[in-house]
Amino acid sequence: MVHLEFEPGLIEDVVFKEIRQKEEQGNMKLSEEYHLLVDPIYEEFSLEERPKQFRKVEWDFFNKLGFVTLIEKAFSEFSELEKLVTGAVIVRAKNKFDEGSDLVRDLNQKIAKKRIKLKLLAERFHDQSFLLKFLRHELMHILDMLSDTFCYKSEFLGGNPMEQSIITERYSTFWDIYVDSRILRNGKEAVGSKEGRYKEFCALYMGFPEEAKRVIFEVLWNDENLTHGRILELATDVHKVLDIADDKIPENMRRKKLLLPGSLCPLCQFRTYKWVENLEEDVETVQDIRQDFPNWSPEDGACNRCVEMYKSRRAISHHSI
């Protein structure tokens, strides 16, 4: 079993939230038991010694409530981690965006192995079914990071902040698909369902034809040999995503132009993350654009800045008349 450590601040938050939750339900037993142990500390120990005594009581409650056993249960499903890391520390997350897992250097700098750092919100402990699935998901990520075949490495994703955000979101979605598909195939419960992950994938590639999205997702869902490099390649290059199901996508789908965030606007040649939808319905603007770009068609798309410029120019022209 991997050696586990818990941040005192997380333990305190979890125990207090559990006590308050019981009180709100009309059950005062846990609160009374807690105060029975804590109140004498104020009389029996000095100001300097009290924090240590409080932590002992909180740890006993945390353990008694079954939270240590729950964490151990999650780690027991990944027994191979014991040989790969020096231990794991479970700490308090600042918010839901801060939750997750990572590998950090061991406190002993001479040890080559790293240890796991898990960030959790205190409220996660009050939905033990979800917490177990969440831990399973994060530990699968850790196994990938330690895998010689996955070849994970921490690197800069994207260029400007907007591009970096989009590539990071795509990368995370592809990796989550890879993680949850394997968990479900192993007969375990996962954080995300297959249909839920499909919806996340579709949200990233709304410009893809529906048939193409389903085919591509199925290929991704059943791929058990994805690597960090491959996922990064897919996250960075839209056409690589189409290529993974090249022989299954009809040619007419592949010819359709894809207006995806980060692509170049055919008019101004700048990257855009805001394409104008249903542009073909704006007949006047389409005519104006074609006066400057005769070979352009509405399916080529245009960014919101260019369209606004043409609309403003037409409005000024009409006002002058």
C-alpha atoms as a PDB file:
ATOM      1  CA  MET A   1       0.000   0.000   0.000  1.00  0.00           C
ATOM      2  CA  VAL A   2       1.243   3.494  -0.865  1.00  0.00           C
ATOM      3  CA  HIS A   3       2.142   5.509   2.245  1.00  0.00           C
ATOM      4  CA  LEU A   4      -0.505   8.206   2.716  1.00  0.00           C
ATOM      5  CA  GLU A   5      -0.214  11.618   4.365  1.00  0.00           C
ATOM      6  CA  PHE A   6      -3.041  14.092   4.965  1.00  0.00           C
ATOM      7  CA  GLU A   7      -2.868  17.856   5.315  1.00  0.00           C
ATOM      8  CA  PRO A   8      -4.198  18.851   8.778  1.00  0.00           C
ATOM      9  CA  GLY A   9      -6.167  21.723   7.252  1.00  0.00           C
ATOM     10  CA  LEU A  10      -8.071  19.334   4.998  1.00  0.00           C
ATOM     11  CA  ILE A  11      -8.822  16.979   7.883  1.00  0.00           C
ATOM     12  CA  GLU A  12     -10.125  19.879   9.983  1.00  0.00           C
ATOM     13  CA  ASP A  13     -12.404  21.102   7.172  1.00  0.00           C
ATOM     14  CA  VAL A  14     -13.764  17.624   6.494  1.00  0.00           C
ATOM     15  CA  VAL A  15     -14.515  16.891  10.159  1.00  0.00           C
ATOM     16  CA  PHE A  16     -16.162  20.271  10.798  1.00  0.00           C
ATOM     17  CA  LYS A  17     -18.311  19.964   7.672  1.00  0.00           C
ATOM     18  CA  GLU A  18     -19.378  16.473   8.718  1.00  0.00           C
ATOM     19  CA  ILE A  19     -20.331  17.691  12.190  1.00  0.00           C
ATOM     20  CA  ARG A  20     -22.318  20.634  10.785  1.00  0.00           C
ATOM     21  CA  GLN A  21     -24.069  18.379   8.296  1.00  0.00           C
ATOM     22  CA  LYS A  22     -25.159  16.014  11.078  1.00  0.00           C
ATOM     23  CA  GLU A  23     -26.363  18.951  13.179  1.00  0.00           C
ATOM     24  CA  GLU A  24     -28.461  20.285  10.279  1.00  0.00           C
ATOM     25  CA  GLN A  25     -30.051  16.835  10.058  1.00  0.00           C
ATOM     26  CA  GLY A  26     -30.917  17.004  13.748  1.00  0.00           C
ATOM     27  CA  ASN A  27     -28.248  14.496  14.798  1.00  0.00           C
ATOM     28  CA  MET A  28     -26.172  16.024  17.612  1.00  0.00           C
ATOM     29  CA  LYS A  29     -24.335  12.837  18.629  1.00  0.00           C
ATOM     30  CA  LEU A  30     -21.179  13.520  16.598  1.00  0.00           C
ATOM     31  CA  SER A  31     -21.011  17.140  17.777  1.00  0.00           C
ATOM     32  CA  GLU A  32     -21.395  16.144  21.419  1.00  0.00           C
ATOM     33  CA  GLU A  33     -18.753  13.449  21.082  1.00  0.00           C
ATOM     34  CA  TYR A  34     -16.358  15.924  19.467  1.00  0.00           C
ATOM     35  CA  HIS A  35     -16.796  18.596  22.149  1.00  0.00           C
ATOM     36  CA  LEU A  36     -16.465  15.985  24.879  1.00  0.00           C
ATOM     37  CA  LEU A  37     -12.903  15.408  23.659  1.00  0.00           C
ATOM     38  CA  VAL A  38     -12.012  18.948  22.569  1.00  0.00           C
ATOM     39  CA  ASP A  39     -13.316  21.087  25.437  1.00  0.00           C
ATOM     40  CA  PRO A  40     -10.957  19.636  28.104  1.00  0.00           C
ATOM     41  CA  ILE A  41      -7.968  20.550  25.913  1.00  0.00           C
ATOM     42  CA  TYR A  42      -8.472  24.222  26.798  1.00  0.00           C
ATOM     43  CA  GLU A  43      -7.988  23.425  30.489  1.00  0.00           C
ATOM     44  CA  GLU A  44      -5.403  20.640  30.350  1.00  0.00           C
ATOM     45  CA  PHE A  45      -2.906  22.008  27.784  1.00  0.00           C
ATOM     46  CA  SER A  46      -1.012  25.214  27.265  1.00  0.00           C
ATOM     47  CA  LEU A  47      -1.697  27.561  24.348  1.00  0.00           C
ATOM     48  CA  GLU A  48       1.322  26.180  22.471  1.00  0.00           C
ATOM     49  CA  GLU A  49       0.304  22.533  22.939  1.00  0.00           C
ATOM     50  CA  ARG A  50      -3.366  22.896  22.042  1.00  0.00           C
ATOM     51  CA  PRO A  51      -3.043  22.833  18.194  1.00  0.00           C
ATOM     52  CA  LYS A  52      -1.286  19.463  18.356  1.00  0.00           C
ATOM     53  CA  GLN A  53      -3.986  18.033  20.615  1.00  0.00           C
ATOM     54  CA  PHE A  54      -6.765  19.392  18.405  1.00  0.00           C
ATOM     55  CA  ARG A  55      -5.149  17.728  15.379  1.00  0.00           C
ATOM     56  CA  LYS A  56      -5.050  14.404  17.231  1.00  0.00           C
ATOM     57  CA  VAL A  57      -8.778  14.571  17.942  1.00  0.00           C
ATOM     58  CA  GLU A  58      -9.577  15.642  14.375  1.00  0.00           C
ATOM     59  CA  TRP A  59      -7.472  12.814  12.964  1.00  0.00           C
ATOM     60  CA  ASP A  60      -9.263  10.276  15.172  1.00  0.00           C
ATOM     61  CA  PHE A  61     -12.633  11.554  13.944  1.00  0.00           C
ATOM     62  CA  PHE A  62     -11.484  11.621  10.322  1.00  0.00           C
ATOM     63  CA  ASN A  63     -10.353   8.010  10.656  1.00  0.00           C
ATOM     64  CA  LYS A  64     -13.435   6.942  12.601  1.00  0.00           C
ATOM     65  CA  LEU A  65     -15.709   8.386   9.928  1.00  0.00           C
ATOM     66  CA  GLY A  66     -14.145   5.993   7.425  1.00  0.00           C
ATOM     67  CA  PHE A  67     -12.374   8.526   5.236  1.00  0.00           C
ATOM     68  CA  VAL A  68      -8.921   6.993   5.596  1.00  0.00           C
ATOM     69  CA  THR A  69     -10.335   3.592   4.644  1.00  0.00           C
ATOM     70  CA  LEU A  70     -12.014   5.152   1.613  1.00  0.00           C
ATOM     71  CA  ILE A  71      -8.759   6.660   0.352  1.00  0.00           C
ATOM     72  CA  GLU A  72      -6.935   3.397   0.988  1.00  0.00           C
ATOM     73  CA  LYS A  73      -9.607   1.530  -0.964  1.00  0.00           C
ATOM     74  CA  ALA A  74      -9.008   3.735  -3.991  1.00  0.00           C
ATOM     75  CA  PHE A  75      -5.245   3.225  -3.804  1.00  0.00           C
ATOM     76  CA  SER A  76      -5.649  -0.530  -3.353  1.00  0.00           C
ATOM     77  CA  GLU A  77      -7.005  -0.712  -6.908  1.00  0.00           C
ATOM     78  CA  PHE A  78      -3.642   0.553  -8.149  1.00  0.00           C
ATOM     79  CA  SER A  79      -1.240  -1.654  -6.210  1.00  0.00           C
ATOM     80  CA  GLU A  80       1.494  -1.113  -8.836  1.00  0.00           C
ATOM     81  CA  LEU A  81       1.862   2.472  -7.597  1.00  0.00           C
ATOM     82  CA  GLU A  82       3.595   1.256  -4.453  1.00  0.00           C
ATOM     83  CA  LYS A  83       6.741   0.468  -6.465  1.00  0.00           C
ATOM     84  CA  LEU A  84       6.558   3.598  -8.585  1.00  0.00           C
ATOM     85  CA  VAL A  85       6.178   6.401  -6.006  1.00  0.00           C
ATOM     86  CA  THR A  86       7.457   7.173  -2.518  1.00  0.00           C
ATOM     87  CA  GLY A  87       4.008   7.963  -1.175  1.00  0.00           C
ATOM     88  CA  ALA A  88       1.042  10.281  -1.554  1.00  0.00           C
ATOM     89  CA  VAL A  89      -0.048  13.467   0.163  1.00  0.00           C
ATOM     90  CA  ILE A  90      -3.709  14.520   0.166  1.00  0.00           C
ATOM     91  CA  VAL A  91      -4.210  18.260   0.557  1.00  0.00           C
ATOM     92  CA  ARG A  92      -6.998  20.814   0.483  1.00  0.00           C
ATOM     93  CA  ALA A  93      -7.918  22.270  -2.921  1.00  0.00           C
ATOM     94  CA  LYS A  94      -8.618  26.021  -3.141  1.00  0.00           C
ATOM     95  CA  ASN A  95     -11.600  25.535  -5.466  1.00  0.00           C
ATOM     96  CA  LYS A  96     -12.980  22.977  -7.929  1.00  0.00           C
ATOM     97  CA  PHE A  97     -10.591  24.185 -10.636  1.00  0.00           C
ATOM     98  CA  ASP A  98      -7.675  23.485  -8.295  1.00  0.00           C
ATOM     99  CA  GLU A  99      -8.713  19.873  -7.714  1.00  0.00           C
ATOM    100  CA  GLY A 100      -6.674  17.125  -9.305  1.00  0.00           C
ATOM    101  CA  SER A 101      -3.466  15.159  -9.086  1.00  0.00           C
ATOM    102  CA  ASP A 102       0.190  15.624  -9.915  1.00  0.00           C
ATOM    103  CA  LEU A 103       3.610  14.141  -9.286  1.00  0.00           C
ATOM    104  CA  VAL A 104       5.986  16.165  -7.108  1.00  0.00           C
ATOM    105  CA  ARG A 105       9.546  15.709  -5.929  1.00  0.00           C
ATOM    106  CA  ASP A 106      10.015  13.746  -2.741  1.00  0.00           C
ATOM    107  CA  LEU A 107      11.084  15.752   0.285  1.00  0.00           C
ATOM    108  CA  ASN A 108      14.281  13.760   0.199  1.00  0.00           C
ATOM    109  CA  GLN A 109      15.900  15.243  -2.890  1.00  0.00           C
ATOM    110  CA  LYS A 110      18.245  12.253  -3.239  1.00  0.00           C
ATOM    111  CA  ILE A 111      15.333   9.910  -4.004  1.00  0.00           C
ATOM    112  CA  ALA A 112      14.628   9.648  -7.735  1.00  0.00           C
ATOM    113  CA  LYS A 113      11.030   8.541  -7.330  1.00  0.00           C
ATOM    114  CA  LYS A 114       8.321  11.161  -6.994  1.00  0.00           C
ATOM    115  CA  ARG A 115       5.256  11.211  -4.779  1.00  0.00           C
ATOM    116  CA  ILE A 116       1.622  11.811  -5.586  1.00  0.00           C
ATOM    117  CA  LYS A 117      -0.076  15.056  -4.639  1.00  0.00           C
ATOM    118  CA  LEU A 118      -3.875  14.912  -4.567  1.00  0.00           C
ATOM    119  CA  LYS A 119      -5.878  18.108  -4.132  1.00  0.00           C
ATOM    120  CA  LEU A 120      -9.441  17.620  -2.910  1.00  0.00           C
ATOM    121  CA  LEU A 121     -12.298  19.815  -1.745  1.00  0.00           C
ATOM    122  CA  ALA A 122     -13.530  18.996   1.750  1.00  0.00           C
ATOM    123  CA  GLU A 123     -17.098  18.538   0.511  1.00  0.00           C
ATOM    124  CA  ARG A 124     -16.003  15.638  -1.712  1.00  0.00           C
ATOM    125  CA  PHE A 125     -15.788  13.457   1.406  1.00  0.00           C
ATOM    126  CA  HIS A 126     -19.525  13.783   1.962  1.00  0.00           C
ATOM    127  CA  ASP A 127     -20.312  12.001  -1.307  1.00  0.00           C
ATOM    128  CA  GLN A 128     -18.182   8.922  -0.873  1.00  0.00           C
ATOM    129  CA  SER A 129     -19.441   7.225  -4.031  1.00  0.00           C
ATOM    130  CA  PHE A 130     -18.336  10.144  -6.192  1.00  0.00           C
ATOM    131  CA  LEU A 131     -15.070  10.562  -4.271  1.00  0.00           C
ATOM    132  CA  LEU A 132     -14.093   6.961  -4.978  1.00  0.00           C
ATOM    133  CA  LYS A 133     -14.741   7.464  -8.698  1.00  0.00           C
ATOM    134  CA  PHE A 134     -12.860  10.764  -8.652  1.00  0.00           C
ATOM    135  CA  LEU A 135      -9.843   9.189  -6.937  1.00  0.00           C
ATOM    136  CA  ARG A 136      -9.903   6.284  -9.389  1.00  0.00           C
ATOM    137  CA  HIS A 137      -9.889   8.753 -12.277  1.00  0.00           C
ATOM    138  CA  GLU A 138      -6.982  10.772 -10.870  1.00  0.00           C
ATOM    139  CA  LEU A 139      -4.893   7.705 -10.012  1.00  0.00           C
ATOM    140  CA  MET A 140      -5.327   6.428 -13.555  1.00  0.00           C
ATOM    141  CA  HIS A 141      -3.925   9.763 -14.719  1.00  0.00           C
ATOM    142  CA  ILE A 142      -0.969   9.242 -12.390  1.00  0.00           C
ATOM    143  CA  LEU A 143      -0.350   5.757 -13.803  1.00  0.00           C
ATOM    144  CA  ASP A 144      -0.264   7.255 -17.289  1.00  0.00           C
ATOM    145  CA  MET A 145       2.202   9.893 -16.142  1.00  0.00           C
ATOM    146  CA  LEU A 146       4.462   7.155 -14.801  1.00  0.00           C
ATOM    147  CA  SER A 147       4.062   4.901 -17.832  1.00  0.00           C
ATOM    148  CA  ASP A 148       7.052   4.390 -20.133  1.00  0.00           C
ATOM    149  CA  THR A 149       4.688   3.897 -23.070  1.00  0.00           C
ATOM    150  CA  PHE A 150       2.512   6.967 -22.413  1.00  0.00           C
ATOM    151  CA  CYS A 151       5.683   9.138 -22.316  1.00  0.00           C
ATOM    152  CA  TYR A 152       4.160  12.003 -20.350  1.00  0.00           C
ATOM    153  CA  LYS A 153       6.079  15.241 -19.942  1.00  0.00           C
ATOM    154  CA  SER A 154       5.097  18.640 -18.668  1.00  0.00           C
ATOM    155  CA  GLU A 155       5.365  21.155 -21.469  1.00  0.00           C
ATOM    156  CA  PHE A 156       3.985  24.464 -22.691  1.00  0.00           C
ATOM    157  CA  LEU A 157       0.711  24.078 -24.579  1.00  0.00           C
ATOM    158  CA  GLY A 158      -0.159  26.673 -27.193  1.00  0.00           C
ATOM    159  CA  GLY A 159       0.959  30.220 -28.009  1.00  0.00           C
ATOM    160  CA  ASN A 160      -1.112  33.173 -26.799  1.00  0.00           C
ATOM    161  CA  PRO A 161      -3.305  32.752 -23.697  1.00  0.00           C
ATOM    162  CA  MET A 162      -6.469  32.055 -25.710  1.00  0.00           C
ATOM    163  CA  GLU A 163      -4.777  29.429 -27.869  1.00  0.00           C
ATOM    164  CA  GLN A 164      -3.149  27.869 -24.827  1.00  0.00           C
ATOM    165  CA  SER A 165      -6.535  27.648 -23.080  1.00  0.00           C
ATOM    166  CA  ILE A 166      -8.175  25.928 -26.061  1.00  0.00           C
ATOM    167  CA  ILE A 167      -5.355  23.411 -26.555  1.00  0.00           C
ATOM    168  CA  THR A 168      -5.289  22.652 -22.822  1.00  0.00           C
ATOM    169  CA  GLU A 169      -9.054  22.042 -22.802  1.00  0.00           C
ATOM    170  CA  ARG A 170      -8.804  19.736 -25.812  1.00  0.00           C
ATOM    171  CA  TYR A 171      -5.854  17.875 -24.304  1.00  0.00           C
ATOM    172  CA  SER A 172      -7.706  17.372 -21.013  1.00  0.00           C
ATOM    173  CA  THR A 173     -10.808  16.114 -22.808  1.00  0.00           C
ATOM    174  CA  PHE A 174      -8.876  13.582 -24.898  1.00  0.00           C
ATOM    175  CA  TRP A 175      -7.018  12.345 -21.827  1.00  0.00           C
ATOM    176  CA  ASP A 176     -10.241  12.065 -19.810  1.00  0.00           C
ATOM    177  CA  ILE A 177     -11.778  10.013 -22.627  1.00  0.00           C
ATOM    178  CA  TYR A 178      -8.724   7.737 -22.582  1.00  0.00           C
ATOM    179  CA  VAL A 179      -8.896   7.342 -18.790  1.00  0.00           C
ATOM    180  CA  ASP A 180     -12.635   6.761 -18.364  1.00  0.00           C
ATOM    181  CA  SER A 181     -12.945   4.378 -21.320  1.00  0.00           C
ATOM    182  CA  ARG A 182     -10.352   2.053 -19.755  1.00  0.00           C
ATOM    183  CA  ILE A 183     -11.916   2.288 -16.297  1.00  0.00           C
ATOM    184  CA  LEU A 184     -15.338   1.342 -17.646  1.00  0.00           C
ATOM    185  CA  ARG A 185     -13.897  -1.520 -19.712  1.00  0.00           C
ATOM    186  CA  ASN A 186     -12.346  -2.830 -16.504  1.00  0.00           C
ATOM    187  CA  GLY A 187     -15.797  -3.035 -14.957  1.00  0.00           C
ATOM    188  CA  LYS A 188     -15.324  -0.083 -12.578  1.00  0.00           C
ATOM    189  CA  GLU A 189     -17.383   3.067 -12.149  1.00  0.00           C
ATOM    190  CA  ALA A 190     -15.938   6.183 -13.768  1.00  0.00           C
ATOM    191  CA  VAL A 191     -16.426   9.898 -13.170  1.00  0.00           C
ATOM    192  CA  GLY A 192     -17.666  10.367 -16.714  1.00  0.00           C
ATOM    193  CA  SER A 193     -20.020   8.181 -18.733  1.00  0.00           C
ATOM    194  CA  LYS A 194     -19.394   7.407 -22.382  1.00  0.00           C
ATOM    195  CA  GLU A 195     -22.240   9.660 -23.467  1.00  0.00           C
ATOM    196  CA  GLY A 196     -21.077  12.425 -21.153  1.00  0.00           C
ATOM    197  CA  ARG A 197     -17.575  12.344 -22.602  1.00  0.00           C
ATOM    198  CA  TYR A 198     -19.064  12.354 -26.104  1.00  0.00           C
ATOM    199  CA  LYS A 199     -20.936  15.572 -25.330  1.00  0.00           C
ATOM    200  CA  GLU A 200     -17.688  17.158 -24.095  1.00  0.00           C
ATOM    201  CA  PHE A 201     -15.951  16.106 -27.305  1.00  0.00           C
ATOM    202  CA  CYS A 202     -18.788  17.497 -29.444  1.00  0.00           C
ATOM    203  CA  ALA A 203     -18.622  20.846 -27.628  1.00  0.00           C
ATOM    204  CA  LEU A 204     -15.007  21.212 -28.741  1.00  0.00           C
ATOM    205  CA  TYR A 205     -15.669  20.363 -32.373  1.00  0.00           C
ATOM    206  CA  MET A 206     -19.082  21.826 -33.140  1.00  0.00           C
ATOM    207  CA  GLY A 207     -17.963  22.501 -36.711  1.00  0.00           C
ATOM    208  CA  PHE A 208     -17.645  18.785 -37.438  1.00  0.00           C
ATOM    209  CA  PRO A 209     -20.588  17.039 -39.137  1.00  0.00           C
ATOM    210  CA  GLU A 210     -22.555  14.968 -36.624  1.00  0.00           C
ATOM    211  CA  GLU A 211     -21.726  11.670 -38.346  1.00  0.00           C
ATOM    212  CA  ALA A 212     -18.032  12.501 -38.323  1.00  0.00           C
ATOM    213  CA  LYS A 213     -18.044  13.364 -34.615  1.00  0.00           C
ATOM    214  CA  ARG A 214     -19.571  10.027 -33.670  1.00  0.00           C
ATOM    215  CA  VAL A 215     -17.119   8.061 -35.818  1.00  0.00           C
ATOM    216  CA  ILE A 216     -14.090   9.922 -34.475  1.00  0.00           C
ATOM    217  CA  PHE A 217     -15.232   9.616 -30.869  1.00  0.00           C
ATOM    218  CA  GLU A 218     -15.743   5.856 -31.216  1.00  0.00           C
ATOM    219  CA  VAL A 219     -12.197   5.487 -32.535  1.00  0.00           C
ATOM    220  CA  LEU A 220     -10.861   7.511 -29.588  1.00  0.00           C
ATOM    221  CA  TRP A 221     -12.994   5.681 -27.035  1.00  0.00           C
ATOM    222  CA  ASN A 222     -11.701   2.271 -28.152  1.00  0.00           C
ATOM    223  CA  ASP A 223      -8.045   3.282 -28.508  1.00  0.00           C
ATOM    224  CA  GLU A 224      -6.072   1.686 -25.649  1.00  0.00           C
ATOM    225  CA  ASN A 225      -2.663   2.908 -26.821  1.00  0.00           C
ATOM    226  CA  LEU A 226      -2.833   6.686 -26.750  1.00  0.00           C
ATOM    227  CA  THR A 227       0.297   8.575 -25.707  1.00  0.00           C
ATOM    228  CA  HIS A 228       1.023  12.063 -24.445  1.00  0.00           C
ATOM    229  CA  GLY A 229       2.534  12.985 -27.798  1.00  0.00           C
ATOM    230  CA  ARG A 230      -0.445  11.707 -29.751  1.00  0.00           C
ATOM    231  CA  ILE A 231      -2.968  13.483 -27.511  1.00  0.00           C
ATOM    232  CA  LEU A 232      -1.009  16.744 -27.798  1.00  0.00           C
ATOM    233  CA  GLU A 233      -0.888  16.326 -31.581  1.00  0.00           C
ATOM    234  CA  LEU A 234      -4.672  15.899 -31.709  1.00  0.00           C
ATOM    235  CA  ALA A 235      -5.254  18.830 -29.353  1.00  0.00           C
ATOM    236  CA  THR A 236      -3.069  21.095 -31.476  1.00  0.00           C
ATOM    237  CA  ASP A 237      -4.092  20.143 -35.018  1.00  0.00           C
ATOM    238  CA  VAL A 238      -7.768  19.902 -35.951  1.00  0.00           C
ATOM    239  CA  HIS A 239      -6.996  18.011 -39.148  1.00  0.00           C
ATOM    240  CA  LYS A 240      -5.211  15.292 -37.180  1.00  0.00           C
ATOM    241  CA  VAL A 241      -8.485  14.701 -35.378  1.00  0.00           C
ATOM    242  CA  LEU A 242     -10.207  14.108 -38.704  1.00  0.00           C
ATOM    243  CA  ASP A 243      -7.359  11.901 -39.874  1.00  0.00           C
ATOM    244  CA  ILE A 244      -7.857   9.352 -37.081  1.00  0.00           C
ATOM    245  CA  ALA A 245     -10.987   8.142 -38.845  1.00  0.00           C
ATOM    246  CA  ASP A 246      -9.932   8.994 -42.377  1.00  0.00           C
ATOM    247  CA  ASP A 247     -11.204   5.824 -44.006  1.00  0.00           C
ATOM    248  CA  LYS A 248     -14.547   6.031 -42.197  1.00  0.00           C
ATOM    249  CA  ILE A 249     -15.493   9.625 -43.065  1.00  0.00           C
ATOM    250  CA  PRO A 250     -17.168  10.238 -46.438  1.00  0.00           C
ATOM    251  CA  GLU A 251     -15.252  12.550 -48.766  1.00  0.00           C
ATOM    252  CA  ASN A 252     -18.076  15.092 -48.854  1.00  0.00           C
ATOM    253  CA  MET A 253     -17.698  15.494 -45.059  1.00  0.00           C
ATOM    254  CA  ARG A 254     -13.954  16.000 -45.337  1.00  0.00           C
ATOM    255  CA  ARG A 255     -14.385  18.693 -47.979  1.00  0.00           C
ATOM    256  CA  LYS A 256     -16.610  20.723 -45.694  1.00  0.00           C
ATOM    257  CA  LYS A 257     -14.687  23.663 -44.273  1.00  0.00           C
ATOM    258  CA  LEU A 258     -14.339  23.573 -40.508  1.00  0.00           C
ATOM    259  CA  LEU A 259     -14.667  26.854 -38.685  1.00  0.00           C
ATOM    260  CA  LEU A 260     -12.930  26.024 -35.423  1.00  0.00           C
ATOM    261  CA  PRO A 261     -11.467  28.254 -32.718  1.00  0.00           C
ATOM    262  CA  GLY A 262      -7.886  29.194 -33.505  1.00  0.00           C
ATOM    263  CA  SER A 263      -8.181  28.905 -37.291  1.00  0.00           C
ATOM    264  CA  LEU A 264      -7.239  31.782 -39.631  1.00  0.00           C
ATOM    265  CA  CYS A 265      -9.968  34.113 -40.814  1.00  0.00           C
ATOM    266  CA  PRO A 266      -9.850  34.032 -44.650  1.00  0.00           C
ATOM    267  CA  LEU A 267     -10.411  37.783 -44.778  1.00  0.00           C
ATOM    268  CA  CYS A 268      -7.973  39.322 -42.281  1.00  0.00           C
ATOM    269  CA  GLN A 269      -5.696  36.259 -41.963  1.00  0.00           C
ATOM    270  CA  PHE A 270      -5.622  36.550 -38.169  1.00  0.00           C
ATOM    271  CA  ARG A 271      -6.458  33.656 -35.839  1.00  0.00           C
ATOM    272  CA  THR A 272      -9.997  33.918 -34.577  1.00  0.00           C
ATOM    273  CA  TYR A 273     -11.858  32.275 -31.741  1.00  0.00           C
ATOM    274  CA  LYS A 274     -15.203  33.846 -32.655  1.00  0.00           C
ATOM    275  CA  TRP A 275     -16.678  32.844 -36.017  1.00  0.00           C
ATOM    276  CA  VAL A 276     -19.940  34.454 -37.123  1.00  0.00           C
ATOM    277  CA  GLU A 277     -22.677  31.836 -37.341  1.00  0.00           C
ATOM    278  CA  ASN A 278     -25.237  31.594 -40.161  1.00  0.00           C
ATOM    279  CA  LEU A 279     -23.372  34.216 -42.160  1.00  0.00           C
ATOM    280  CA  GLU A 280     -25.070  33.117 -45.398  1.00  0.00           C
ATOM    281  CA  GLU A 281     -28.342  34.568 -44.059  1.00  0.00           C
ATOM    282  CA  ASP A 282     -26.870  38.080 -44.004  1.00  0.00           C
ATOM    283  CA  VAL A 283     -27.164  38.670 -47.758  1.00  0.00           C
ATOM    284  CA  GLU A 284     -26.015  42.298 -47.763  1.00  0.00           C
ATOM    285  CA  THR A 285     -22.854  41.579 -45.781  1.00  0.00           C
ATOM    286  CA  VAL A 286     -22.055  38.586 -47.997  1.00  0.00           C
ATOM    287  CA  GLN A 287     -22.372  40.818 -51.086  1.00  0.00           C
ATOM    288  CA  ASP A 288     -20.112  43.465 -49.554  1.00  0.00           C
ATOM    289  CA  ILE A 289     -17.433  40.912 -48.670  1.00  0.00           C
ATOM    290  CA  ARG A 290     -17.522  39.438 -52.175  1.00  0.00           C
ATOM    291  CA  GLN A 291     -16.811  42.838 -53.672  1.00  0.00           C
ATOM    292  CA  ASP A 292     -13.422  42.713 -51.940  1.00  0.00           C
ATOM    293  CA  PHE A 293     -12.971  38.911 -52.033  1.00  0.00           C
ATOM    294  CA  PRO A 294     -14.617  37.572 -55.252  1.00  0.00           C
ATOM    295  CA  ASN A 295     -13.568  33.969 -54.566  1.00  0.00           C
ATOM    296  CA  TRP A 296     -14.876  33.959 -50.990  1.00  0.00           C
ATOM    297  CA  SER A 297     -18.088  32.150 -50.037  1.00  0.00           C
ATOM    298  CA  PRO A 298     -20.056  32.151 -46.741  1.00  0.00           C
ATOM    299  CA  GLU A 299     -18.956  28.596 -45.928  1.00  0.00           C
ATOM    300  CA  ASP A 300     -15.371  29.926 -45.841  1.00  0.00           C
ATOM    301  CA  GLY A 301     -16.443  31.845 -42.755  1.00  0.00           C
ATOM    302  CA  ALA A 302     -15.410  35.193 -41.321  1.00  0.00           C
ATOM    303  CA  CYS A 303     -14.427  36.396 -37.884  1.00  0.00           C
ATOM    304  CA  ASN A 304     -16.702  38.657 -35.872  1.00  0.00           C
ATOM    305  CA  ARG A 305     -14.288  41.607 -36.250  1.00  0.00           C
ATOM    306  CA  CYS A 306     -14.336  41.482 -40.055  1.00  0.00           C
ATOM    307  CA  VAL A 307     -18.125  41.114 -40.201  1.00  0.00           C
ATOM    308  CA  GLU A 308     -18.592  44.020 -37.803  1.00  0.00           C
ATOM    309  CA  MET A 309     -16.270  46.134 -39.954  1.00  0.00           C
ATOM    310  CA  TYR A 310     -18.323  45.430 -43.092  1.00  0.00           C
ATOM    311  CA  LYS A 311     -21.583  46.141 -41.271  1.00  0.00           C
ATOM    312  CA  SER A 312     -20.207  49.404 -39.890  1.00  0.00           C
ATOM    313  CA  ARG A 313     -18.972  50.436 -43.312  1.00  0.00           C
ATOM    314  CA  ARG A 314     -22.420  49.778 -44.833  1.00  0.00           C
ATOM    315  CA  ALA A 315     -24.141  51.676 -41.995  1.00  0.00           C
ATOM    316  CA  ILE A 316     -21.866  54.705 -42.532  1.00  0.00           C
ATOM    317  CA  SER A 317     -22.490  54.545 -46.265  1.00  0.00           C
ATOM    318  CA  HIS A 318     -26.282  54.524 -45.795  1.00  0.00           C
ATOM    319  CA  HIS A 319     -26.091  57.366 -43.271  1.00  0.00           C
ATOM    320  CA  SER A 320     -24.097  59.503 -45.700  1.00  0.00           C
ATOM    321  CA  ILE A 321     -26.783  59.056 -48.356  1.00  0.00           C
END
